[in-house]
All heavy atoms as atom14 arrays in JSON, in Angstrom:
{
  "sequence": "DTLYVGTDFGPGSLTDSGYPRVIKRWRRGTPLADAVTVF",
  "atom14_mask": [
    [1, 1, 1, 1, 1, 1, 1, 1, 0, 0, 0, 0, 0, 0],
    [1, 1, 1, 1, 1, 1, 1, 0, 0, 0, 0, 0, 0, 0],
    [1, 1, 1, 1, 1, 1, 1, 1, 0, 0, 0, 0, 0, 0],
    [1, 1, 1, 1, 1, 1, 1, 1, 1, 1, 1, 1, 0, 0],
    [1, 1, 1, 1, 1, 1, 1, 0, 0, 0, 0, 0, 0, 0],
    [1, 1, 1, 1, 0, 0, 0, 0, 0, 0, 0, 0, 0, 0],
    [1, 1, 1, 1, 1, 1, 1, 0, 0, 0, 0, 0, 0, 0],
    [1, 1, 1, 1, 1, 1, 1, 1, 0, 0, 0, 0, 0, 0],
    [1, 1, 1, 1, 1, 1, 1, 1, 1, 1, 1, 0, 0, 0],
    [1, 1, 1, 1, 0, 0, 0, 0, 0, 0, 0, 0, 0, 0],
    [1, 1, 1, 1, 1, 1, 1, 0, 0, 0, 0, 0, 0, 0],
    [1, 1, 1, 1, 0, 0, 0, 0, 0, 0, 0, 0, 0, 0],
    [1, 1, 1, 1, 1, 1, 0, 0, 0, 0, 0, 0, 0, 0],
    [1, 1, 1, 1, 1, 1, 1, 1, 0, 0, 0, 0, 0, 0],
    [1, 1, 1, 1, 1, 1, 1, 0, 0, 0, 0, 0, 0, 0],
    [1, 1, 1, 1, 1, 1, 1, 1, 0, 0, 0, 0, 0, 0],
    [1, 1, 1, 1, 1, 1, 0, 0, 0, 0, 0, 0, 0, 0],
    [1, 1, 1, 1, 0, 0, 0, 0, 0, 0, 0, 0, 0, 0],
    [1, 1, 1, 1, 1, 1, 1, 1, 1, 1, 1, 1, 0, 0],
    [1, 1, 1, 1, 1, 1, 1, 0, 0, 0, 0, 0, 0, 0],
    [1, 1, 1, 1, 1, 1, 1, 1, 1, 1, 1, 0, 0, 0],
    [1, 1, 1, 1, 1, 1, 1, 0, 0, 0, 0, 0, 0, 0],
    [1, 1, 1, 1, 1, 1, 1, 1, 0, 0, 0, 0, 0, 0],
    [1, 1, 1, 1, 1, 1, 1, 1, 1, 0, 0, 0, 0, 0],
    [1, 1, 1, 1, 1, 1, 1, 1, 1, 1, 1, 0, 0, 0],
    [1, 1, 1, 1, 1, 1, 1, 1, 1, 1, 1, 1, 1, 1],
    [1, 1, 1, 1, 1, 1, 1, 1, 1, 1, 1, 0, 0, 0],
    [1, 1, 1, 1, 1, 1, 1, 1, 1, 1, 1, 0, 0, 0],
    [1, 1, 1, 1, 0, 0, 0, 0, 0, 0, 0, 0, 0, 0],
    [1, 1, 1, 1, 1, 1, 1, 0, 0, 0, 0, 0, 0, 0],
    [1, 1, 1, 1, 1, 1, 1, 0, 0, 0, 0, 0, 0, 0],
    [1, 1, 1, 1, 1, 1, 1, 1, 0, 0, 0, 0, 0, 0],
    [1, 1, 1, 1, 1, 0, 0, 0, 0, 0, 0, 0, 0, 0],
    [1, 1, 1, 1, 1, 1, 1, 1, 0, 0, 0, 0, 0, 0],
    [1, 1, 1, 1, 1, 0, 0, 0, 0, 0, 0, 0, 0, 0],
    [1, 1, 1, 1, 1, 1, 1, 0, 0, 0, 0, 0, 0, 0],
    [1, 1, 1, 1, 1, 1, 1, 0, 0, 0, 0, 0, 0, 0],
    [1, 1, 1, 1, 1, 1, 1, 0, 0, 0, 0, 0, 0, 0],
    [1, 1, 1, 1, 1, 1, 1, 1, 1, 1, 1, 0, 0, 0]
  ],
  "atom14_positions": [
    [[1.29, -2.98, -8.62], [0.02, -3.46, -8.07], [-0.59, -4.61, -8.86], [-1.73, -4.99, -8.61], [-0.99, -2.3, -8.01], [-0.58, -1.23, -7.03], [-0.15, -1.59, -5.91], [-0.66, -0.04, -7.39], [0.0, 0.0, 0.0], [0.0, 0.0, 0.0], [0.0, 0.0, 0.0], [0.0, 0.0, 0.0], [0.0, 0.0, 0.0], [0.0, 0.0, 0.0]],
    [[0.15, -5.16, -9.82], [-0.43, -6.18, -10.69], [0.6, -7.25, -11.02], [1.76, -6.94, -11.32], [-0.95, -5.57, -12.0], [-1.53, -4.29, -11.75], [-1.97, -6.47, -12.66], [0.0, 0.0, 0.0], [0.0, 0.0, 0.0], [0.0, 0.0, 0.0], [0.0, 0.0, 0.0], [0.0, 0.0, 0.0], [0.0, 0.0, 0.0], [0.0, 0.0, 0.0]],
    [[0.14, -8.5, -11.01], [0.99, -9.63, -11.36], [0.34, -10.45, -12.46], [-0.88, -10.5, -12.59], [1.19, -10.57, -10.15], [1.82, -10.05, -8.88], [1.87, -11.17, -7.85], [3.21, -9.49, -9.14], [0.0, 0.0, 0.0], [0.0, 0.0, 0.0], [0.0, 0.0, 0.0], [0.0, 0.0, 0.0], [0.0, 0.0, 0.0], [0.0, 0.0, 0.0]],
    [[1.19, -11.12, -13.25], [0.74, -12.28, -14.01], [1.02, -13.51, -13.14], [2.12, -13.65, -12.59], [1.51, -12.42, -15.32], [1.09, -11.46, -16.4], [2.01, -10.6, -16.99], [-0.24, -11.43, -16.85], [1.63, -9.73, -17.99], [-0.62, -10.55, -17.84], [0.31, -9.71, -18.41], [-0.08, -8.84, -19.4], [0.0, 0.0, 0.0], [0.0, 0.0, 0.0]],
    [[0.04, -14.4, -13.03], [0.17, -15.55, -12.14], [-0.27, -16.82, -12.86], [-1.39, -16.89, -13.39], [-0.7, -15.38, -10.87], [-0.6, -16.62, -9.99], [-0.25, -14.15, -10.09], [0.0, 0.0, 0.0], [0.0, 0.0, 0.0], [0.0, 0.0, 0.0], [0.0, 0.0, 0.0], [0.0, 0.0, 0.0], [0.0, 0.0, 0.0], [0.0, 0.0, 0.0]],
    [[0.6, -17.8, -12.87], [0.22, -19.16, -13.24], [0.44, -20.03, -12.02], [1.55, -20.09, -11.49], [0.0, 0.0, 0.0], [0.0, 0.0, 0.0], [0.0, 0.0, 0.0], [0.0, 0.0, 0.0], [0.0, 0.0, 0.0], [0.0, 0.0, 0.0], [0.0, 0.0, 0.0], [0.0, 0.0, 0.0], [0.0, 0.0, 0.0], [0.0, 0.0, 0.0]],
    [[-0.6, -20.67, -11.52], [-0.48, -21.46, -10.31], [-1.61, -22.49, -10.27], [-2.33, -22.68, -11.26], [-0.52, -20.55, -9.06], [-0.17, -21.3, -7.89], [-1.9, -19.92, -8.86], [0.0, 0.0, 0.0], [0.0, 0.0, 0.0], [0.0, 0.0, 0.0], [0.0, 0.0, 0.0], [0.0, 0.0, 0.0], [0.0, 0.0, 0.0], [0.0, 0.0, 0.0]],
    [[-1.76, -23.15, -9.15], [-2.86, -24.1, -8.96], [-4.09, -23.32, -8.51], [-4.25, -22.99, -7.34], [-2.46, -25.15, -7.91], [-3.5, -26.24, -7.77], [-4.6, -26.11, -8.35], [-3.23, -27.23, -7.06], [0.0, 0.0, 0.0], [0.0, 0.0, 0.0], [0.0, 0.0, 0.0], [0.0, 0.0, 0.0], [0.0, 0.0, 0.0], [0.0, 0.0, 0.0]],
    [[-4.94, -23.01, -9.49], [-6.17, -22.28, -9.2], [-7.31, -23.22, -8.82], [-8.42, -22.77, -8.55], [-6.6, -21.46, -10.41], [-5.66, -20.35, -10.78], [-4.85, -20.45, -11.9], [-5.58, -19.2, -10.0], [-3.99, -19.42, -12.25], [-4.72, -18.17, -10.34], [-3.91, -18.29, -11.46], [0.0, 0.0, 0.0], [0.0, 0.0, 0.0], [0.0, 0.0, 0.0]],
    [[-7.05, -24.51, -8.82], [-8.1, -25.48, -8.54], [-8.22, -26.48, -9.67], [-7.4, -26.5, -10.6], [0.0, 0.0, 0.0], [0.0, 0.0, 0.0], [0.0, 0.0, 0.0], [0.0, 0.0, 0.0], [0.0, 0.0, 0.0], [0.0, 0.0, 0.0], [0.0, 0.0, 0.0], [0.0, 0.0, 0.0], [0.0, 0.0, 0.0], [0.0, 0.0, 0.0]],
    [[-9.24, -27.35, -9.62], [-9.4, -28.39, -10.64], [-9.35, -27.84, -12.05], [-9.99, -26.83, -12.36], [-10.78, -28.98, -10.31], [-10.97, -28.71, -8.85], [-10.3, -27.39, -8.59], [0.0, 0.0, 0.0], [0.0, 0.0, 0.0], [0.0, 0.0, 0.0], [0.0, 0.0, 0.0], [0.0, 0.0, 0.0], [0.0, 0.0, 0.0], [0.0, 0.0, 0.0]],
    [[-8.55, -28.5, -12.91], [-8.46, -28.12, -14.31], [-7.44, -27.04, -14.62], [-7.24, -26.71, -15.79], [0.0, 0.0, 0.0], [0.0, 0.0, 0.0], [0.0, 0.0, 0.0], [0.0, 0.0, 0.0], [0.0, 0.0, 0.0], [0.0, 0.0, 0.0], [0.0, 0.0, 0.0], [0.0, 0.0, 0.0], [0.0, 0.0, 0.0], [0.0, 0.0, 0.0]],
    [[-6.8, -26.48, -13.6], [-5.88, -25.37, -13.84], [-4.44, -25.82, -14.04], [-3.58, -24.98, -14.34], [-5.93, -24.37, -12.68], [-5.45, -24.95, -11.48], [0.0, 0.0, 0.0], [0.0, 0.0, 0.0], [0.0, 0.0, 0.0], [0.0, 0.0, 0.0], [0.0, 0.0, 0.0], [0.0, 0.0, 0.0], [0.0, 0.0, 0.0], [0.0, 0.0, 0.0]],
    [[-4.15, -27.11, -13.88], [-2.8, -27.63, -14.07], [-2.75, -28.55, -15.28], [-3.75, -29.14, -15.68], [-2.34, -28.4, -12.83], [-2.26, -27.62, -11.52], [-1.8, -28.54, -10.39], [-1.34, -26.41, -11.63], [0.0, 0.0, 0.0], [0.0, 0.0, 0.0], [0.0, 0.0, 0.0], [0.0, 0.0, 0.0], [0.0, 0.0, 0.0], [0.0, 0.0, 0.0]],
    [[-1.57, -28.67, -15.85], [-1.37, -29.61, -16.95], [-1.23, -31.03, -16.38], [-1.13, -31.23, -15.17], [-0.1, -29.27, -17.74], [1.05, -29.46, -16.89], [-0.14, -27.83, -18.23], [0.0, 0.0, 0.0], [0.0, 0.0, 0.0], [0.0, 0.0, 0.0], [0.0, 0.0, 0.0], [0.0, 0.0, 0.0], [0.0, 0.0, 0.0], [0.0, 0.0, 0.0]],
    [[-1.2, -31.99, -17.28], [-0.99, -33.37, -16.84], [0.36, -33.56, -16.15], [0.55, -34.5, -15.38], [-1.08, -34.32, -18.05], [-2.45, -34.35, -18.68], [-3.42, -33.94, -18.0], [-2.57, -34.75, -19.85], [0.0, 0.0, 0.0], [0.0, 0.0, 0.0], [0.0, 0.0, 0.0], [0.0, 0.0, 0.0], [0.0, 0.0, 0.0], [0.0, 0.0, 0.0]],
    [[1.3, -32.65, -16.42], [2.62, -32.71, -15.8], [2.67, -32.02, -14.44], [3.7, -32.05, -13.77], [3.66, -32.06, -16.72], [3.73, -32.73, -17.96], [0.0, 0.0, 0.0], [0.0, 0.0, 0.0], [0.0, 0.0, 0.0], [0.0, 0.0, 0.0], [0.0, 0.0, 0.0], [0.0, 0.0, 0.0], [0.0, 0.0, 0.0], [0.0, 0.0, 0.0]],
    [[1.57, -31.38, -14.05], [1.5, -30.75, -12.74], [1.97, -29.31, -12.7], [2.19, -28.75, -11.62], [0.0, 0.0, 0.0], [0.0, 0.0, 0.0], [0.0, 0.0, 0.0], [0.0, 0.0, 0.0], [0.0, 0.0, 0.0], [0.0, 0.0, 0.0], [0.0, 0.0, 0.0], [0.0, 0.0, 0.0], [0.0, 0.0, 0.0], [0.0, 0.0, 0.0]],
    [[2.09, -28.67, -13.86], [2.52, -27.28, -13.93], [1.33, -26.4, -14.35], [0.3, -26.9, -14.82], [3.67, -27.14, -14.93], [4.93, -27.85, -14.5], [5.28, -29.08, -15.05], [5.75, -27.3, -13.52], [6.43, -29.74, -14.65], [6.91, -27.95, -13.11], [7.24, -29.17, -13.68], [8.38, -29.83, -13.27], [0.0, 0.0, 0.0], [0.0, 0.0, 0.0]],
    [[1.45, -25.07, -14.23], [0.32, -24.19, -14.56], [-0.15, -24.35, -16.01], [0.66, -24.41, -16.93], [0.88, -22.79, -14.31], [1.96, -22.99, -13.29], [2.57, -24.32, -13.62], [0.0, 0.0, 0.0], [0.0, 0.0, 0.0], [0.0, 0.0, 0.0], [0.0, 0.0, 0.0], [0.0, 0.0, 0.0], [0.0, 0.0, 0.0], [0.0, 0.0, 0.0]],
    [[-1.46, -24.39, -16.18], [-2.09, -24.42, -17.5], [-2.72, -23.09, -17.83], [-2.99, -22.79, -19.0], [-3.16, -25.53, -17.53], [-3.75, -25.8, -18.92], [-4.98, -26.69, -18.86], [-6.1, -26.07, -18.16], [-6.92, -25.17, -18.69], [-6.73, -24.75, -19.93], [-7.91, -24.66, -17.98], [0.0, 0.0, 0.0], [0.0, 0.0, 0.0], [0.0, 0.0, 0.0]],
    [[-2.95, -22.27, -16.81], [-3.69, -21.01, -16.95], [-2.86, -19.88, -16.36], [-2.26, -20.03, -15.29], [-5.05, -21.09, -16.22], [-5.79, -19.77, -16.3], [-5.9, -22.22, -16.78], [0.0, 0.0, 0.0], [0.0, 0.0, 0.0], [0.0, 0.0, 0.0], [0.0, 0.0, 0.0], [0.0, 0.0, 0.0], [0.0, 0.0, 0.0], [0.0, 0.0, 0.0]],
    [[-2.83, -18.74, -17.04], [-2.19, -17.54, -16.5], [-3.26, -16.47, -16.33], [-4.07, -16.22, -17.25], [-1.06, -17.03, -17.41], [0.1, -18.05, -17.4], [-0.56, -15.66, -16.97], [1.21, -17.71, -18.34], [0.0, 0.0, 0.0], [0.0, 0.0, 0.0], [0.0, 0.0, 0.0], [0.0, 0.0, 0.0], [0.0, 0.0, 0.0], [0.0, 0.0, 0.0]],
    [[-3.26, -15.83, -15.16], [-4.24, -14.8, -14.87], [-3.54, -13.49, -14.49], [-2.38, -13.49, -14.08], [-5.16, -15.25, -13.72], [-5.96, -16.51, -14.03], [-7.0, -16.8, -12.96], [-7.82, -18.04, -13.3], [-8.96, -18.24, -12.39], [0.0, 0.0, 0.0], [0.0, 0.0, 0.0], [0.0, 0.0, 0.0], [0.0, 0.0, 0.0], [0.0, 0.0, 0.0]],
    [[-4.29, -12.41, -14.64], [-3.83, -11.09, -14.21], [-4.47, -10.79, -12.86], [-5.69, -10.8, -12.73], [-4.19, -10.02, -15.25], [-3.6, -8.65, -14.94], [-3.84, -7.65, -16.07], [-5.25, -7.51, -16.38], [-5.82, -7.91, -17.51], [-5.09, -8.49, -18.46], [-7.12, -7.73, -17.72], [0.0, 0.0, 0.0], [0.0, 0.0, 0.0], [0.0, 0.0, 0.0]],
    [[-3.62, -10.53, -11.87], [-4.1, -10.41, -10.48], [-3.76, -9.03, -9.95], [-2.58, -8.65, -9.91], [-3.44, -11.5, -9.64], [-3.89, -11.58, -8.21], [-5.07, -11.12, -7.68], [-3.18, -12.18, -7.12], [-5.14, -11.4, -6.34], [-3.99, -12.05, -5.97], [-1.95, -12.82, -7.02], [-3.59, -12.53, -4.72], [-1.55, -13.3, -5.78], [-2.36, -13.17, -4.66]],
    [[-4.77, -8.29, -9.52], [-4.56, -6.95, -8.99], [-4.47, -6.98, -7.46], [-5.16, -7.76, -6.81], [-5.67, -6.0, -9.43], [-5.63, -5.64, -10.92], [-6.47, -4.42, -11.23], [-6.08, -3.25, -10.45], [-5.03, -2.47, -10.75], [-4.27, -2.75, -11.8], [-4.76, -1.42, -10.01], [0.0, 0.0, 0.0], [0.0, 0.0, 0.0], [0.0, 0.0, 0.0]],
    [[-3.61, -6.12, -6.96], [-3.43, -6.01, -5.52], [-4.77, -5.72, -4.83], [-5.59, -4.94, -5.33], [-2.43, -4.89, -5.21], [-2.11, -4.73, -3.72], [-1.16, -3.58, -3.47], [0.11, -3.76, -4.16], [1.1, -4.53, -3.72], [0.95, -5.21, -2.6], [2.23, -4.62, -4.4], [0.0, 0.0, 0.0], [0.0, 0.0, 0.0], [0.0, 0.0, 0.0]],
    [[-4.97, -6.34, -3.69], [-6.15, -6.08, -2.89], [-7.38, -6.86, -3.3], [-8.44, -6.71, -2.68], [0.0, 0.0, 0.0], [0.0, 0.0, 0.0], [0.0, 0.0, 0.0], [0.0, 0.0, 0.0], [0.0, 0.0, 0.0], [0.0, 0.0, 0.0], [0.0, 0.0, 0.0], [0.0, 0.0, 0.0], [0.0, 0.0, 0.0], [0.0, 0.0, 0.0]],
    [[-7.26, -7.68, -4.35], [-8.4, -8.49, -4.78], [-8.1, -9.96, -4.51], [-6.93, -10.38, -4.51], [-8.69, -8.3, -6.29], [-7.57, -8.79, -7.05], [-8.91, -6.83, -6.6], [0.0, 0.0, 0.0], [0.0, 0.0, 0.0], [0.0, 0.0, 0.0], [0.0, 0.0, 0.0], [0.0, 0.0, 0.0], [0.0, 0.0, 0.0], [0.0, 0.0, 0.0]],
    [[-9.13, -10.77, -4.28], [-8.89, -12.2, -4.05], [-8.3, -12.86, -5.29], [-8.61, -12.47, -6.43], [-10.3, -12.75, -3.76], [-11.13, -11.57, -3.4], [-10.56, -10.42, -4.16], [0.0, 0.0, 0.0], [0.0, 0.0, 0.0], [0.0, 0.0, 0.0], [0.0, 0.0, 0.0], [0.0, 0.0, 0.0], [0.0, 0.0, 0.0], [0.0, 0.0, 0.0]],
    [[-7.45, -13.86, -5.09], [-6.88, -14.6, -6.21], [-7.98, -15.19, -7.09], [-7.84, -15.27, -8.31], [-5.96, -15.7, -5.69], [-5.24, -16.56, -6.74], [-4.34, -15.7, -7.63], [-4.43, -17.66, -6.07], [0.0, 0.0, 0.0], [0.0, 0.0, 0.0], [0.0, 0.0, 0.0], [0.0, 0.0, 0.0], [0.0, 0.0, 0.0], [0.0, 0.0, 0.0]],
    [[-9.09, -15.57, -6.45], [-10.21, -16.15, -7.2], [-10.8, -15.17, -8.21], [-11.45, -15.57, -9.17], [-11.3, -16.62, -6.24], [0.0, 0.0, 0.0], [0.0, 0.0, 0.0], [0.0, 0.0, 0.0], [0.0, 0.0, 0.0], [0.0, 0.0, 0.0], [0.0, 0.0, 0.0], [0.0, 0.0, 0.0], [0.0, 0.0, 0.0], [0.0, 0.0, 0.0]],
    [[-10.57, -13.85, -8.01], [-11.11, -12.85, -8.92], [-10.13, -12.46, -10.02], [-10.43, -11.6, -10.85], [-11.51, -11.58, -8.14], [-12.7, -11.81, -7.23], [-13.38, -12.85, -7.4], [-12.94, -10.98, -6.35], [0.0, 0.0, 0.0], [0.0, 0.0, 0.0], [0.0, 0.0, 0.0], [0.0, 0.0, 0.0], [0.0, 0.0, 0.0], [0.0, 0.0, 0.0]],
    [[-8.94, -13.06, -10.02], [-7.96, -12.75, -11.06], [-8.53, -13.12, -12.43], [-9.27, -14.1, -12.59], [-6.66, -13.51, -10.8], [0.0, 0.0, 0.0], [0.0, 0.0, 0.0], [0.0, 0.0, 0.0], [0.0, 0.0, 0.0], [0.0, 0.0, 0.0], [0.0, 0.0, 0.0], [0.0, 0.0, 0.0], [0.0, 0.0, 0.0], [0.0, 0.0, 0.0]],
    [[-8.16, -12.34, -13.44], [-8.74, -12.48, -14.78], [-7.84, -13.35, -15.65], [-6.64, -13.1, -15.78], [-8.91, -11.1, -15.44], [-9.46, -11.24, -16.86], [-9.81, -10.21, -14.58], [0.0, 0.0, 0.0], [0.0, 0.0, 0.0], [0.0, 0.0, 0.0], [0.0, 0.0, 0.0], [0.0, 0.0, 0.0], [0.0, 0.0, 0.0], [0.0, 0.0, 0.0]],
    [[-8.42, -14.37, -16.27], [-7.67, -15.26, -17.16], [-7.25, -14.5, -18.41], [-8.07, -13.86, -19.08], [-8.51, -16.48, -17.55], [-8.82, -17.24, -16.37], [-7.77, -17.37, -18.54], [0.0, 0.0, 0.0], [0.0, 0.0, 0.0], [0.0, 0.0, 0.0], [0.0, 0.0, 0.0], [0.0, 0.0, 0.0], [0.0, 0.0, 0.0], [0.0, 0.0, 0.0]],
    [[-5.95, -14.58, -18.74], [-5.44, -13.9, -19.92], [-4.79, -14.87, -20.91], [-4.57, -14.51, -22.07], [-4.41, -12.81, -19.54], [-5.1, -11.68, -18.79], [-3.26, -13.38, -18.73], [0.0, 0.0, 0.0], [0.0, 0.0, 0.0], [0.0, 0.0, 0.0], [0.0, 0.0, 0.0], [0.0, 0.0, 0.0], [0.0, 0.0, 0.0], [0.0, 0.0, 0.0]],
    [[-4.5, -16.09, -20.46], [-3.82, -17.04, -21.35], [-4.07, -18.45, -20.84], [-4.08, -18.69, -19.63], [-2.32, -16.75, -21.39], [-1.56, -17.56, -22.42], [-1.65, -17.25, -23.77], [-0.76, -18.63, -22.04], [-0.96, -17.98, -24.72], [-0.06, -19.36, -22.97], [-0.16, -19.04, -24.32], [0.0, 0.0, 0.0], [0.0, 0.0, 0.0], [0.0, 0.0, 0.0]]
  ]
}
């Protein structure tokens, strides 16, 4: 029921190279916007 996710979360969430800059913990049944930043 839980993932670690690095993706395009919006402005500022990608590196200058276009890859994920932020990793969040995402629980099933919750919006991606509510995922908790862990790294």
